[in-house]
Amino acid sequence: MNLKQIHYFIVVCEQRSFSRAVEILDVAQPSISRQIQLLEAELQQHLLRRTGRGVEPTEAGLRFLNHAKAIHALAIHARQDLLAFRSSVQGKVRLGMPPRIARRLTPHIVQQFRLLFPDSSITIAEGLSTEMREWLIKDRVDLALLYEPPPSVLMVCETIYREELVLAYPRGLRPAPPRKVKVADLARYPLVLPSAPNTIRALVDNTCRDLNVELNVVVEVDVVHSILETTARGNVFTVIPRSAITDHAGHDDLACSQIVEPTIRNNLTLALPTDGSSSKLALATADIIRGLNIADHMH
């Protein structure tokens, strides 16, 4: 048993697919299969079984998965400790962010970064959270700000800001919704929402599904600016983070109601890879982000 076999096994279990594991690990499928076969031979147990949609762990596989994650985490901690001991706070760091967050936070991050690390450089990459998550896993960025990322053994996430979603509609619309709208009542409103996969759409859909609320989605639009333009000019509504309205050039054309019972809040997380590759500069950049009063910059 070795760390490579354990890492391959965890990723295959997480992805529920050898082909998806190939994309993440950048290793040929026969090599992954061979390492897991060696692991099964040593443990004298079948750890995975094939299904119509991929693979899933057997009962023994699930039992071993708990041990594998603990071993993997311990190895990562040891590697991080030694790399941090060796590294110096200099060089280049790559930070990924969603465009709306980048627009608000980049000046503040860069200002602090230049003050603390004048001999280093920072690259800001912008993209959807799903795209930035892939970039982080594939080492195209060193750290990222992500909305609602699915859990992964390949990265560690911490929540740094939560923002409530509101029901937005054209200002002057009559009759206007009440100042507070229950989730159970969202079904009354014709909605413009982004199509899946999208973090806001998933958050709204999951909340409504838990309460057996069937939304009336009449239009799907994937760009926030276009969603707000469509809402402002038509007899339709949308569910959006409050700060997205103030970002919009025509925000005076929109009004909003608070969503309650329950309040829906998105989850902005700071993500770093768990493979021990984070430099001191990346960790220091993460500290800059933690030190920002993000709530002030989002209003």
C-alpha atoms as a PDB file:
ATOM      1  CA  MET A   1       0.000   0.000   0.000  1.00  0.00           C
ATOM      2  CA  ASN A   2       1.342   3.444  -0.912  1.00  0.00           C
ATOM      3  CA  LEU A   3       0.128   7.035  -0.993  1.00  0.00           C
ATOM      4  CA  LYS A   4      -0.371   6.986  -4.780  1.00  0.00           C
ATOM      5  CA  GLN A   5      -2.778   4.045  -4.514  1.00  0.00           C
ATOM      6  CA  ILE A   6      -4.653   5.732  -1.676  1.00  0.00           C
ATOM      7  CA  HIS A   7      -4.913   9.024  -3.570  1.00  0.00           C
ATOM      8  CA  TYR A   8      -6.155   7.308  -6.754  1.00  0.00           C
ATOM      9  CA  PHE A   9      -8.728   5.325  -4.762  1.00  0.00           C
ATOM     10  CA  ILE A  10     -10.103   8.448  -3.020  1.00  0.00           C
ATOM     11  CA  VAL A  11     -10.444  10.365  -6.305  1.00  0.00           C
ATOM     12  CA  VAL A  12     -12.191   7.464  -8.087  1.00  0.00           C
ATOM     13  CA  CYS A  13     -14.622   7.138  -5.160  1.00  0.00           C
ATOM     14  CA  GLU A  14     -15.284  10.866  -5.161  1.00  0.00           C
ATOM     15  CA  GLN A  15     -15.794  11.092  -8.930  1.00  0.00           C
ATOM     16  CA  ARG A  16     -17.715   7.788  -9.125  1.00  0.00           C
ATOM     17  CA  SER A  17     -15.978   7.253 -12.464  1.00  0.00           C
ATOM     18  CA  PHE A  18     -12.581   6.126 -13.759  1.00  0.00           C
ATOM     19  CA  SER A  19     -12.859   8.429 -16.794  1.00  0.00           C
ATOM     20  CA  ARG A  20     -13.528  11.501 -14.628  1.00  0.00           C
ATOM     21  CA  ALA A  21     -10.676  10.479 -12.336  1.00  0.00           C
ATOM     22  CA  VAL A  22      -8.409  10.410 -15.403  1.00  0.00           C
ATOM     23  CA  GLU A  23      -9.252  14.082 -16.089  1.00  0.00           C
ATOM     24  CA  ILE A  24      -8.525  15.097 -12.500  1.00  0.00           C
ATOM     25  CA  LEU A  25      -5.363  13.037 -11.997  1.00  0.00           C
ATOM     26  CA  ASP A  26      -4.028  13.422 -15.565  1.00  0.00           C
ATOM     27  CA  VAL A  27      -3.003   9.752 -15.477  1.00  0.00           C
ATOM     28  CA  ALA A  28      -3.934   7.050 -17.988  1.00  0.00           C
ATOM     29  CA  GLN A  29      -6.882   4.892 -16.934  1.00  0.00           C
ATOM     30  CA  PRO A  30      -4.927   1.599 -17.079  1.00  0.00           C
ATOM     31  CA  SER A  31      -2.447   3.037 -14.560  1.00  0.00           C
ATOM     32  CA  ILE A  32      -5.243   4.043 -12.190  1.00  0.00           C
ATOM     33  CA  SER A  33      -6.939   0.643 -12.551  1.00  0.00           C
ATOM     34  CA  ARG A  34      -3.631  -1.165 -11.975  1.00  0.00           C
ATOM     35  CA  GLN A  35      -2.873   0.744  -8.760  1.00  0.00           C
ATOM     36  CA  ILE A  36      -6.333   0.049  -7.356  1.00  0.00           C
ATOM     37  CA  GLN A  37      -6.041  -3.647  -8.308  1.00  0.00           C
ATOM     38  CA  LEU A  38      -2.754  -3.799  -6.375  1.00  0.00           C
ATOM     39  CA  LEU A  39      -4.473  -2.167  -3.417  1.00  0.00           C
ATOM     40  CA  GLU A  40      -7.338  -4.664  -3.553  1.00  0.00           C
ATOM     41  CA  ALA A  41      -4.874  -7.562  -3.813  1.00  0.00           C
ATOM     42  CA  GLU A  42      -2.998  -6.404  -0.733  1.00  0.00           C
ATOM     43  CA  LEU A  43      -6.184  -5.867   1.267  1.00  0.00           C
ATOM     44  CA  GLN A  44      -7.771  -9.040  -0.124  1.00  0.00           C
ATOM     45  CA  GLN A  45     -11.039  -7.179  -0.656  1.00  0.00           C
ATOM     46  CA  HIS A  46     -12.975  -5.824  -3.613  1.00  0.00           C
ATOM     47  CA  LEU A  47     -13.111  -2.077  -2.977  1.00  0.00           C
ATOM     48  CA  LEU A  48     -15.079  -0.918  -6.052  1.00  0.00           C
ATOM     49  CA  ARG A  49     -17.944  -2.263  -8.119  1.00  0.00           C
ATOM     50  CA  ARG A  50     -19.040  -1.132 -11.557  1.00  0.00           C
ATOM     51  CA  THR A  51     -22.535   0.295 -12.082  1.00  0.00           C
ATOM     52  CA  GLY A  52     -24.430   1.454 -15.125  1.00  0.00           C
ATOM     53  CA  ARG A  53     -23.219   5.006 -14.480  1.00  0.00           C
ATOM     54  CA  GLY A  54     -19.632   4.348 -13.380  1.00  0.00           C
ATOM     55  CA  VAL A  55     -18.260   2.832 -10.175  1.00  0.00           C
ATOM     56  CA  GLU A  56     -19.074   2.990  -6.484  1.00  0.00           C
ATOM     57  CA  PRO A  57     -17.317   1.680  -3.366  1.00  0.00           C
ATOM     58  CA  THR A  58     -18.304  -1.681  -1.943  1.00  0.00           C
ATOM     59  CA  GLU A  59     -19.046  -2.021   1.770  1.00  0.00           C
ATOM     60  CA  ALA A  60     -15.367  -2.825   2.301  1.00  0.00           C
ATOM     61  CA  GLY A  61     -14.469   0.106   0.056  1.00  0.00           C
ATOM     62  CA  LEU A  62     -16.513   2.507   2.167  1.00  0.00           C
ATOM     63  CA  ARG A  63     -14.822   1.186   5.297  1.00  0.00           C
ATOM     64  CA  PHE A  64     -11.371   1.617   3.762  1.00  0.00           C
ATOM     65  CA  LEU A  65     -12.276   5.070   2.406  1.00  0.00           C
ATOM     66  CA  ASN A  66     -12.425   6.461   5.952  1.00  0.00           C
ATOM     67  CA  HIS A  67      -8.903   5.165   6.649  1.00  0.00           C
ATOM     68  CA  ALA A  68      -7.668   6.379   3.261  1.00  0.00           C
ATOM     69  CA  LYS A  69      -8.885   9.942   3.859  1.00  0.00           C
ATOM     70  CA  ALA A  70      -7.210  10.031   7.276  1.00  0.00           C
ATOM     71  CA  ILE A  71      -3.897   8.770   5.837  1.00  0.00           C
ATOM     72  CA  HIS A  72      -4.168  11.190   2.916  1.00  0.00           C
ATOM     73  CA  ALA A  73      -4.823  14.148   5.230  1.00  0.00           C
ATOM     74  CA  LEU A  74      -1.854  13.229   7.441  1.00  0.00           C
ATOM     75  CA  ALA A  75       0.463  12.969   4.430  1.00  0.00           C
ATOM     76  CA  ILE A  76      -0.734  16.354   3.139  1.00  0.00           C
ATOM     77  CA  HIS A  77      -0.128  17.945   6.534  1.00  0.00           C
ATOM     78  CA  ALA A  78       3.407  16.581   6.633  1.00  0.00           C
ATOM     79  CA  ARG A  79       4.134  17.809   3.101  1.00  0.00           C
ATOM     80  CA  GLN A  80       2.681  21.259   3.799  1.00  0.00           C
ATOM     81  CA  ASP A  81       4.743  21.590   6.951  1.00  0.00           C
ATOM     82  CA  LEU A  82       7.996  20.829   5.142  1.00  0.00           C
ATOM     83  CA  LEU A  83       7.162  22.974   2.110  1.00  0.00           C
ATOM     84  CA  ALA A  84       6.262  25.904   4.352  1.00  0.00           C
ATOM     85  CA  PHE A  85       9.547  25.423   6.187  1.00  0.00           C
ATOM     86  CA  ARG A  86      11.452  25.532   2.885  1.00  0.00           C
ATOM     87  CA  SER A  87       9.493  28.242   1.070  1.00  0.00           C
ATOM     88  CA  SER A  88       9.944  31.973   1.303  1.00  0.00           C
ATOM     89  CA  VAL A  89       7.272  34.600   0.805  1.00  0.00           C
ATOM     90  CA  GLN A  90       8.204  35.667  -2.703  1.00  0.00           C
ATOM     91  CA  GLY A  91       7.482  34.870  -6.335  1.00  0.00           C
ATOM     92  CA  LYS A  92       4.132  34.780  -8.108  1.00  0.00           C
ATOM     93  CA  VAL A  93       0.640  33.812  -6.992  1.00  0.00           C
ATOM     94  CA  ARG A  94      -2.489  33.126  -9.069  1.00  0.00           C
ATOM     95  CA  LEU A  95      -5.927  33.904  -7.598  1.00  0.00           C
ATOM     96  CA  GLY A  96      -9.222  32.893  -9.212  1.00  0.00           C
ATOM     97  CA  MET A  97     -12.525  34.696  -8.531  1.00  0.00           C
ATOM     98  CA  PRO A  98     -16.026  35.055  -9.980  1.00  0.00           C
ATOM     99  CA  PRO A  99     -16.295  38.315 -12.005  1.00  0.00           C
ATOM    100  CA  ARG A 100     -18.693  40.084  -9.636  1.00  0.00           C
ATOM    101  CA  ILE A 101     -16.465  39.362  -6.641  1.00  0.00           C
ATOM    102  CA  ALA A 102     -13.320  40.241  -8.592  1.00  0.00           C
ATOM    103  CA  ARG A 103     -14.752  43.628  -9.531  1.00  0.00           C
ATOM    104  CA  ARG A 104     -15.365  44.486  -5.878  1.00  0.00           C
ATOM    105  CA  LEU A 105     -12.356  42.892  -4.145  1.00  0.00           C
ATOM    106  CA  THR A 106      -9.465  43.084  -6.633  1.00  0.00           C
ATOM    107  CA  PRO A 107      -8.451  46.706  -5.824  1.00  0.00           C
ATOM    108  CA  HIS A 108      -8.357  45.972  -2.087  1.00  0.00           C
ATOM    109  CA  ILE A 109      -6.484  42.678  -2.460  1.00  0.00           C
ATOM    110  CA  VAL A 110      -3.930  44.181  -4.846  1.00  0.00           C
ATOM    111  CA  GLN A 111      -3.390  47.217  -2.602  1.00  0.00           C
ATOM    112  CA  GLN A 112      -2.587  45.027   0.404  1.00  0.00           C
ATOM    113  CA  PHE A 113      -0.526  42.596  -1.679  1.00  0.00           C
ATOM    114  CA  ARG A 114       1.666  45.371  -3.135  1.00  0.00           C
ATOM    115  CA  LEU A 115       2.146  46.856   0.318  1.00  0.00           C
ATOM    116  CA  LEU A 116       3.223  43.563   1.901  1.00  0.00           C
ATOM    117  CA  PHE A 117       5.039  41.909  -1.016  1.00  0.00           C
ATOM    118  CA  PRO A 118       6.490  44.597  -3.323  1.00  0.00           C
ATOM    119  CA  ASP A 119       8.923  42.120  -4.917  1.00  0.00           C
ATOM    120  CA  SER A 120       6.218  39.587  -5.800  1.00  0.00           C
ATOM    121  CA  SER A 121       3.442  39.517  -8.405  1.00  0.00           C
ATOM    122  CA  ILE A 122      -0.200  38.456  -8.388  1.00  0.00           C
ATOM    123  CA  THR A 123      -2.382  37.288 -11.275  1.00  0.00           C
ATOM    124  CA  ILE A 124      -6.179  37.608 -10.972  1.00  0.00           C
ATOM    125  CA  ALA A 125      -8.162  35.122 -13.070  1.00  0.00           C
ATOM    126  CA  GLU A 126     -11.929  35.580 -13.491  1.00  0.00           C
ATOM    127  CA  GLY A 127     -14.498  32.916 -14.294  1.00  0.00           C
ATOM    128  CA  LEU A 128     -17.558  31.078 -13.018  1.00  0.00           C
ATOM    129  CA  SER A 129     -17.139  29.203  -9.743  1.00  0.00           C
ATOM    130  CA  THR A 130     -17.401  25.861 -11.553  1.00  0.00           C
ATOM    131  CA  GLU A 131     -14.570  26.894 -13.885  1.00  0.00           C
ATOM    132  CA  MET A 132     -12.364  28.293 -11.103  1.00  0.00           C
ATOM    133  CA  ARG A 133     -12.863  25.068  -9.111  1.00  0.00           C
ATOM    134  CA  GLU A 134     -11.496  23.058 -12.036  1.00  0.00           C
ATOM    135  CA  TRP A 135      -8.585  25.476 -12.414  1.00  0.00           C
ATOM    136  CA  LEU A 136      -7.695  25.049  -8.747  1.00  0.00           C
ATOM    137  CA  ILE A 137      -7.817  21.265  -8.958  1.00  0.00           C
ATOM    138  CA  LYS A 138      -5.716  21.306 -12.146  1.00  0.00           C
ATOM    139  CA  ASP A 139      -3.152  23.775 -10.674  1.00  0.00           C
ATOM    140  CA  ARG A 140      -4.006  26.663 -13.002  1.00  0.00           C
ATOM    141  CA  VAL A 141      -4.623  28.892  -9.977  1.00  0.00           C
ATOM    142  CA  ASP A 142      -3.096  28.676  -6.483  1.00  0.00           C
ATOM    143  CA  LEU A 143      -6.206  29.674  -4.557  1.00  0.00           C
ATOM    144  CA  ALA A 144      -9.753  30.691  -5.431  1.00  0.00           C
ATOM    145  CA  LEU A 145     -12.916  32.311  -4.166  1.00  0.00           C
ATOM    146  CA  LEU A 146     -15.846  30.047  -5.025  1.00  0.00           C
ATOM    147  CA  TYR A 147     -19.598  30.035  -4.533  1.00  0.00           C
ATOM    148  CA  GLU A 148     -21.048  26.825  -3.084  1.00  0.00           C
ATOM    149  CA  PRO A 149     -18.329  24.433  -4.359  1.00  0.00           C
ATOM    150  CA  PRO A 150     -19.143  20.711  -4.123  1.00  0.00           C
ATOM    151  CA  PRO A 151     -16.941  19.108  -1.441  1.00  0.00           C
ATOM    152  CA  SER A 152     -13.731  17.536  -2.701  1.00  0.00           C
ATOM    153  CA  VAL A 153     -10.791  15.789  -1.075  1.00  0.00           C
ATOM    154  CA  LEU A 154      -8.630  17.748  -3.538  1.00  0.00           C
ATOM    155  CA  MET A 155      -9.292  21.124  -1.901  1.00  0.00           C
ATOM    156  CA  VAL A 156     -10.025  22.621   1.493  1.00  0.00           C
ATOM    157  CA  CYS A 157     -12.646  25.363   1.767  1.00  0.00           C
ATOM    158  CA  GLU A 158     -13.650  27.864   4.418  1.00  0.00           C
ATOM    159  CA  THR A 159     -16.641  30.181   4.362  1.00  0.00           C
ATOM    160  CA  ILE A 160     -15.612  33.839   4.338  1.00  0.00           C
ATOM    161  CA  TYR A 161     -18.909  35.581   3.505  1.00  0.00           C
ATOM    162  CA  ARG A 162     -22.611  34.775   3.256  1.00  0.00           C
ATOM    163  CA  GLU A 163     -25.027  37.058   1.418  1.00  0.00           C
ATOM    164  CA  GLU A 164     -28.799  36.809   1.341  1.00  0.00           C
ATOM    165  CA  LEU A 165     -30.734  36.369  -1.876  1.00  0.00           C
ATOM    166  CA  VAL A 166     -33.697  38.636  -2.554  1.00  0.00           C
ATOM    167  CA  LEU A 167     -36.710  38.641  -4.874  1.00  0.00           C
ATOM    168  CA  ALA A 168     -36.090  41.438  -7.406  1.00  0.00           C
ATOM    169  CA  TYR A 169     -38.738  42.962  -9.662  1.00  0.00           C
ATOM    170  CA  PRO A 170     -39.394  46.148 -11.706  1.00  0.00           C
ATOM    171  CA  ARG A 171     -39.717  49.244  -9.554  1.00  0.00           C
ATOM    172  CA  GLY A 172     -43.250  50.603  -9.784  1.00  0.00           C
ATOM    173  CA  LEU A 173     -44.761  47.166 -10.456  1.00  0.00           C
ATOM    174  CA  ARG A 174     -48.342  46.962  -9.201  1.00  0.00           C
ATOM    175  CA  PRO A 175     -49.351  45.102  -7.220  1.00  0.00           C
ATOM    176  CA  ALA A 176     -45.891  44.916  -5.658  1.00  0.00           C
ATOM    177  CA  PRO A 177     -44.875  41.906  -3.585  1.00  0.00           C
ATOM    178  CA  PRO A 178     -44.827  42.384   0.194  1.00  0.00           C
ATOM    179  CA  ARG A 179     -41.608  43.609   1.812  1.00  0.00           C
ATOM    180  CA  LYS A 180     -40.963  40.039   2.994  1.00  0.00           C
ATOM    181  CA  VAL A 181     -41.788  37.025   0.819  1.00  0.00           C
ATOM    182  CA  LYS A 182     -41.835  33.476   2.175  1.00  0.00           C
ATOM    183  CA  VAL A 183     -40.065  30.771   0.187  1.00  0.00           C
ATOM    184  CA  ALA A 184     -43.398  28.931   0.071  1.00  0.00           C
ATOM    185  CA  ASP A 185     -44.859  31.911  -1.813  1.00  0.00           C
ATOM    186  CA  LEU A 186     -42.146  32.117  -4.491  1.00  0.00           C
ATOM    187  CA  ALA A 187     -44.259  29.825  -6.675  1.00  0.00           C
ATOM    188  CA  ARG A 188     -46.618  32.779  -7.270  1.00  0.00           C
ATOM    189  CA  TYR A 189     -44.058  34.764  -9.242  1.00  0.00           C
ATOM    190  CA  PRO A 190     -42.924  34.186 -12.856  1.00  0.00           C
ATOM    191  CA  LEU A 191     -39.161  33.938 -12.510  1.00  0.00           C
ATOM    192  CA  VAL A 192     -36.092  34.592 -14.635  1.00  0.00           C
ATOM    193  CA  LEU A 193     -33.285  32.343 -13.358  1.00  0.00           C
ATOM    194  CA  PRO A 194     -29.968  31.042 -14.684  1.00  0.00           C
ATOM    195  CA  SER A 195     -30.011  27.529 -16.107  1.00  0.00           C
ATOM    196  CA  ALA A 196     -28.242  24.646 -14.377  1.00  0.00           C
ATOM    197  CA  PRO A 197     -25.452  24.131 -13.554  1.00  0.00           C
ATOM    198  CA  ASN A 198     -25.328  27.415 -11.667  1.00  0.00           C
ATOM    199  CA  THR A 199     -24.685  28.008  -7.966  1.00  0.00           C
ATOM    200  CA  ILE A 200     -27.584  30.444  -7.460  1.00  0.00           C
ATOM    201  CA  ARG A 201     -29.993  28.179  -9.352  1.00  0.00           C
ATOM    202  CA  ALA A 202     -28.896  25.140  -7.350  1.00  0.00           C
ATOM    203  CA  LEU A 203     -29.266  27.019  -4.062  1.00  0.00           C
ATOM    204  CA  VAL A 204     -32.782  28.209  -4.918  1.00  0.00           C
ATOM    205  CA  ASP A 205     -33.874  24.854  -6.349  1.00  0.00           C
ATOM    206  CA  ASN A 206     -32.571  22.886  -3.349  1.00  0.00           C
ATOM    207  CA  THR A 207     -34.255  25.212  -0.846  1.00  0.00           C
ATOM    208  CA  CYS A 208     -37.571  25.004  -2.686  1.00  0.00           C
ATOM    209  CA  ARG A 209     -37.305  21.244  -3.183  1.00  0.00           C
ATOM    210  CA  ASP A 210     -36.886  20.746   0.571  1.00  0.00           C
ATOM    211  CA  LEU A 211     -40.169  22.641   1.112  1.00  0.00           C
ATOM    212  CA  ASN A 212     -41.991  21.041  -1.845  1.00  0.00           C
ATOM    213  CA  VAL A 213     -42.260  24.419  -3.586  1.00  0.00           C
ATOM    214  CA  GLU A 214     -42.535  24.218  -7.377  1.00  0.00           C
ATOM    215  CA  LEU A 215     -41.118  27.365  -8.977  1.00  0.00           C
ATOM    216  CA  ASN A 216     -42.602  29.001 -12.057  1.00  0.00           C
ATOM    217  CA  VAL A 217     -39.438  29.549 -14.128  1.00  0.00           C
ATOM    218  CA  VAL A 218     -40.566  31.234 -17.342  1.00  0.00           C
ATOM    219  CA  VAL A 219     -37.141  32.287 -18.679  1.00  0.00           C
ATOM    220  CA  GLU A 220     -33.629  30.936 -18.215  1.00  0.00           C
ATOM    221  CA  VAL A 221     -30.769  33.419 -18.744  1.00  0.00           C
ATOM    222  CA  ASP A 222     -27.198  32.667 -17.722  1.00  0.00           C
ATOM    223  CA  VAL A 223     -25.666  36.159 -17.480  1.00  0.00           C
ATOM    224  CA  VAL A 224     -26.496  38.211 -14.367  1.00  0.00           C
ATOM    225  CA  HIS A 225     -26.571  41.493 -16.307  1.00  0.00           C
ATOM    226  CA  SER A 226     -29.077  40.054 -18.784  1.00  0.00           C
ATOM    227  CA  ILE A 227     -31.202  38.611 -15.972  1.00  0.00           C
ATOM    228  CA  LEU A 228     -31.468  42.031 -14.345  1.00  0.00           C
ATOM    229  CA  GLU A 229     -32.150  43.791 -17.674  1.00  0.00           C
ATOM    230  CA  THR A 230     -34.898  41.275 -18.440  1.00  0.00           C
ATOM    231  CA  THR A 231     -36.405  41.695 -14.976  1.00  0.00           C
ATOM    232  CA  ALA A 232     -36.312  45.513 -15.105  1.00  0.00           C
ATOM    233  CA  ARG A 233     -38.047  45.650 -18.498  1.00  0.00           C
ATOM    234  CA  GLY A 234     -40.644  42.921 -18.108  1.00  0.00           C
ATOM    235  CA  ASN A 235     -43.388  41.765 -15.811  1.00  0.00           C
ATOM    236  CA  VAL A 236     -41.112  39.109 -14.304  1.00  0.00           C
ATOM    237  CA  PHE A 237     -39.104  38.514 -11.128  1.00  0.00           C
ATOM    238  CA  THR A 238     -35.745  37.015 -10.237  1.00  0.00           C
ATOM    239  CA  VAL A 239     -33.902  35.690  -7.184  1.00  0.00           C
ATOM    240  CA  ILE A 240     -30.484  37.267  -6.936  1.00  0.00           C
ATOM    241  CA  PRO A 241     -27.874  38.339  -4.348  1.00  0.00           C
ATOM    242  CA  ARG A 242     -28.719  41.803  -3.062  1.00  0.00           C
ATOM    243  CA  SER A 243     -25.317  43.224  -4.128  1.00  0.00           C
ATOM    244  CA  ALA A 244     -25.900  42.129  -7.750  1.00  0.00           C
ATOM    245  CA  ILE A 245     -28.699  44.690  -7.971  1.00  0.00           C
ATOM    246  CA  THR A 246     -26.483  47.576  -6.863  1.00  0.00           C
ATOM    247  CA  ASP A 247     -23.822  46.398  -9.356  1.00  0.00           C
ATOM    248  CA  HIS A 248     -26.329  46.782 -12.178  1.00  0.00           C
ATOM    249  CA  ALA A 249     -26.166  50.077 -14.126  1.00  0.00           C
ATOM    250  CA  GLY A 250     -29.963  50.321 -14.110  1.00  0.00           C
ATOM    251  CA  HIS A 251     -30.411  49.404 -10.451  1.00  0.00           C
ATOM    252  CA  ASP A 252     -32.814  52.348  -9.948  1.00  0.00           C
ATOM    253  CA  ASP A 253     -35.259  50.445 -12.177  1.00  0.00           C
ATOM    254  CA  LEU A 254     -35.380  47.516  -9.726  1.00  0.00           C
ATOM    255  CA  ALA A 255     -36.882  46.963  -6.286  1.00  0.00           C
ATOM    256  CA  CYS A 256     -36.581  43.898  -4.068  1.00  0.00           C
ATOM    257  CA  SER A 257     -38.223  41.992  -1.239  1.00  0.00           C
ATOM    258  CA  GLN A 258     -36.475  40.001   1.462  1.00  0.00           C
ATOM    259  CA  ILE A 259     -36.928  36.229   1.195  1.00  0.00           C
ATOM    260  CA  VAL A 260     -37.803  34.601   4.530  1.00  0.00           C
ATOM    261  CA  GLU A 261     -38.806  31.298   6.106  1.00  0.00           C
ATOM    262  CA  PRO A 262     -36.081  30.450   5.429  1.00  0.00           C
ATOM    263  CA  THR A 263     -33.639  33.179   4.431  1.00  0.00           C
ATOM    264  CA  ILE A 264     -31.561  31.932   1.477  1.00  0.00           C
ATOM    265  CA  ARG A 265     -27.878  32.847   1.674  1.00  0.00           C
ATOM    266  CA  ASN A 266     -25.135  31.989  -0.768  1.00  0.00           C
ATOM    267  CA  ASN A 267     -21.801  30.807   0.532  1.00  0.00           C
ATOM    268  CA  LEU A 268     -18.570  32.449  -0.666  1.00  0.00           C
ATOM    269  CA  THR A 269     -15.635  30.212   0.219  1.00  0.00           C
ATOM    270  CA  LEU A 270     -11.876  30.532   0.108  1.00  0.00           C
ATOM    271  CA  ALA A 271     -10.420  27.368  -1.435  1.00  0.00           C
ATOM    272  CA  LEU A 272      -6.849  26.039  -1.406  1.00  0.00           C
ATOM    273  CA  PRO A 273      -5.522  22.745  -2.789  1.00  0.00           C
ATOM    274  CA  THR A 274      -4.962  19.952  -0.281  1.00  0.00           C
ATOM    275  CA  ASP A 275      -1.938  18.464  -2.041  1.00  0.00           C
ATOM    276  CA  GLY A 276       0.533  20.533  -0.021  1.00  0.00           C
ATOM    277  CA  SER A 277       1.557  22.653  -2.996  1.00  0.00           C
ATOM    278  CA  SER A 278       0.489  26.004  -1.515  1.00  0.00           C
ATOM    279  CA  SER A 279       3.465  28.352  -1.251  1.00  0.00           C
ATOM    280  CA  LYS A 280       3.950  30.764   1.598  1.00  0.00           C
ATOM    281  CA  LEU A 281       2.910  33.501  -0.815  1.00  0.00           C
ATOM    282  CA  ALA A 282      -0.397  31.757  -1.581  1.00  0.00           C
ATOM    283  CA  LEU A 283      -1.046  31.243   2.123  1.00  0.00           C
ATOM    284  CA  ALA A 284      -0.189  34.885   2.809  1.00  0.00           C
ATOM    285  CA  THR A 285      -2.590  35.962   0.029  1.00  0.00           C
ATOM    286  CA  ALA A 286      -5.285  33.851   1.683  1.00  0.00           C
ATOM    287  CA  ASP A 287      -4.601  35.770   4.909  1.00  0.00           C
ATOM    288  CA  ILE A 288      -5.064  39.079   3.043  1.00  0.00           C
ATOM    289  CA  ILE A 289      -8.493  37.884   1.848  1.00  0.00           C
ATOM    290  CA  ARG A 290      -9.447  36.727   5.351  1.00  0.00           C
ATOM    291  CA  GLY A 291      -8.506  40.151   6.674  1.00  0.00           C
ATOM    292  CA  LEU A 292     -10.830  42.048   4.298  1.00  0.00           C
ATOM    293  CA  ASN A 293     -14.156  43.208   5.658  1.00  0.00           C
ATOM    294  CA  ILE A 294     -15.966  41.677   2.690  1.00  0.00           C
ATOM    295  CA  ALA A 295     -19.411  42.717   3.901  1.00  0.00           C
ATOM    296  CA  ASP A 296     -18.400  46.391   3.576  1.00  0.00           C
ATOM    297  CA  HIS A 297     -17.169  45.862   0.013  1.00  0.00           C
ATOM    298  CA  MET A 298     -20.350  44.044  -1.052  1.00  0.00           C
ATOM    299  CA  HIS A 299     -22.725  46.907  -0.197  1.00  0.00           C
END
